[in-house]
Protein backbone atom coordinates (compact mmCIF):
# COMPACT_ATOMS: atom_id res chain seq x y z
CA MET A 1 73.29 294.14 226.92
CA ASN A 2 71.62 295.15 230.20
CA HIS A 3 75.03 295.34 231.90
CA ASN A 4 76.29 297.73 229.21
CA ARG A 5 73.24 299.95 229.72
CA GLN A 6 73.86 300.15 233.48
CA SER A 7 77.48 300.99 232.81
CA ASN A 8 76.47 303.85 230.53
CA ASP A 9 73.98 305.14 233.10
CA GLY A 10 76.71 305.10 235.76
CA LYS A 11 79.07 306.93 233.42
CA HIS A 12 76.36 309.49 232.66
CA ASP A 13 75.82 310.05 236.40
CA ASP A 14 79.56 310.52 236.92
CA ASP A 15 79.80 312.93 234.00
CA SER A 16 76.79 314.84 235.26
CA ALA A 17 78.21 315.09 238.79
CA LEU A 18 81.57 316.25 237.41
CA SER A 19 79.88 318.86 235.21
CA ASP A 20 77.84 320.12 238.16
CA PHE A 21 80.94 320.30 240.33
CA LEU A 22 82.96 322.16 237.69
CA ALA A 23 80.05 324.60 237.18
CA SER A 24 79.90 325.24 240.92
CA LEU A 25 83.58 326.24 240.84
CA MET A 26 82.65 329.29 238.74
CA ASP A 27 80.68 330.71 241.72
CA TYR A 28 83.25 329.70 244.34
CA THR A 29 86.02 332.02 245.46
CA PRO A 30 88.87 329.90 246.85
CA THR A 31 91.18 331.07 249.62
CA ILE A 32 94.14 330.87 247.26
CA PRO A 33 93.74 333.53 244.55
CA ASP A 34 93.46 332.45 240.91
CA GLU A 35 96.41 334.65 239.97
CA LEU A 36 98.69 332.87 242.43
CA VAL A 37 97.64 329.44 241.17
CA GLU A 38 98.10 330.58 237.57
CA HIS A 39 101.56 331.90 238.39
CA TYR A 40 102.79 328.63 239.89
CA LEU A 41 101.14 326.52 237.21
CA ALA A 42 102.82 328.66 234.53
CA LYS A 43 106.12 328.41 236.38
CA SER A 44 105.85 324.62 236.18
CA GLY A 45 105.01 324.81 232.46
CA PHE A 46 101.23 324.38 232.60
CA GLN A 47 98.99 326.87 230.79
CA CYS A 48 95.21 326.61 230.93
CA PRO A 49 92.64 329.28 230.06
CA ASP A 50 89.84 327.42 231.89
CA VAL A 51 89.15 329.17 235.21
CA ARG A 52 87.36 326.09 236.52
CA LEU A 53 90.54 324.04 236.31
CA ILE A 54 92.55 326.81 238.00
CA ARG A 55 90.02 326.85 240.84
CA LEU A 56 90.06 323.07 241.07
CA VAL A 57 93.82 323.23 241.65
CA ALA A 58 93.26 326.00 244.22
CA VAL A 59 90.72 323.88 246.10
CA ALA A 60 93.03 320.85 246.07
CA THR A 61 95.89 323.02 247.32
CA GLN A 62 93.70 324.49 250.04
CA LYS A 63 92.71 320.99 251.17
CA PHE A 64 96.35 319.89 251.22
CA VAL A 65 97.44 322.90 253.29
CA ALA A 66 94.54 322.38 255.71
CA GLU A 67 95.43 318.70 256.19
CA VAL A 68 99.11 319.49 256.75
CA ALA A 69 98.22 322.23 259.25
CA ASN A 70 95.83 319.92 261.10
CA ASP A 71 98.43 317.14 261.27
CA ALA A 72 101.05 319.62 262.49
CA LEU A 73 98.61 320.72 265.20
CA GLN A 74 98.20 317.10 266.30
CA HIS A 75 102.00 316.70 266.48
CA CYS A 76 102.19 319.93 268.49
CA LYS A 77 99.53 318.76 270.96
CA ALA A 78 101.23 315.39 271.39
CA ARG A 79 104.62 317.01 271.94
CA GLN A 80 103.32 319.50 274.48
CA ALA A 81 101.29 316.84 276.28
CA ALA A 82 104.46 314.77 276.71
CA VAL A 83 106.34 317.76 278.13
CA VAL A 84 103.54 318.76 280.50
CA LYS A 85 103.24 315.31 282.09
CA ASP A 86 106.24 316.20 284.23
CA LYS A 87 104.95 319.67 285.06
CA ARG A 88 101.24 319.41 285.93
CA GLU A 89 101.08 322.81 287.63
CA LYS A 90 102.37 324.60 284.54
CA GLN A 91 99.59 323.07 282.44
CA GLN A 92 97.02 325.03 284.43
CA LYS A 93 98.78 328.35 283.76
CA ASP A 94 99.81 328.09 280.11
CA LYS A 95 97.46 326.36 277.65
CA ARG A 96 98.82 328.02 274.49
CA LEU A 97 99.96 325.78 271.69
CA ILE A 98 103.29 326.64 270.11
CA LEU A 99 103.71 325.19 266.64
CA THR A 100 107.34 324.56 265.81
CA MET A 101 109.17 323.83 262.59
CA ASP A 102 109.68 320.26 263.84
CA ASP A 103 105.89 319.80 264.09
CA LEU A 104 105.44 321.08 260.55
CA SER A 105 108.34 318.98 259.24
CA LYS A 106 106.88 315.79 260.75
CA SER A 107 103.50 316.56 259.23
CA LEU A 108 104.94 317.28 255.79
CA ARG A 109 107.07 314.13 255.92
CA GLU A 110 103.85 312.08 256.14
CA TYR A 111 102.88 313.55 252.74
CA GLY A 112 106.26 312.88 251.16
CA VAL A 113 107.65 316.41 251.52
CA ASN A 114 111.05 316.50 253.20
CA VAL A 115 111.90 319.83 254.81
CA LYS A 116 115.41 320.44 256.03
CA GLN A 117 116.25 323.40 258.20
CA GLN A 118 119.07 325.65 257.18
CA GLU A 119 122.37 325.05 258.89
CA TYR A 120 122.06 328.33 260.78
CA PHE A 121 118.35 328.48 261.46
CA ALA A 122 117.31 331.24 263.87
CA ASP A 123 114.03 331.19 265.79
CA SER A 124 113.91 334.98 265.85
CA PRO A 125 115.45 337.70 263.68
CA SER A 126 117.60 338.92 266.58
CA THR A 127 119.21 335.55 267.30
CA GLY A 128 122.95 335.75 266.73
CA MET A 129 123.03 339.54 266.80
CA ASP A 130 125.20 341.58 269.11
CA PRO A 131 123.22 342.16 272.37
CA ALA A 132 123.92 345.91 272.15
CA THR A 133 122.14 346.19 268.78
CA ARG A 134 118.99 344.21 269.68
CA ASP A 135 115.68 346.08 269.79
CA GLU A 136 114.08 343.57 272.15
């Protein structure tokens, strides 16, 4: 009987923490707007009038994007560190990080998202254009 009572107390604490968290979402303005989240949820067939749930999805999405971006940054740093080993003097001049589609693809692959580049992927809008018509 005592074990059942402890189990109920634990459940009550979990329910209370969840209620407090959901209430705090009403005061929180996520980076991803509610309208955008609602649009994509509706597009996938999910309709929910509860703003707290919409914001919960927005917070989860924001966390996912932040983790993917951070992992892509780590891939970028590792890639550029490997290139700079051969060219120590260049490292002193140029410390900018250049995030590439390959860095992002590797990061997304770790989360089960496979990104394939288009067959004719251009790094800049002017790639493949006639040199006489370029604005560069």
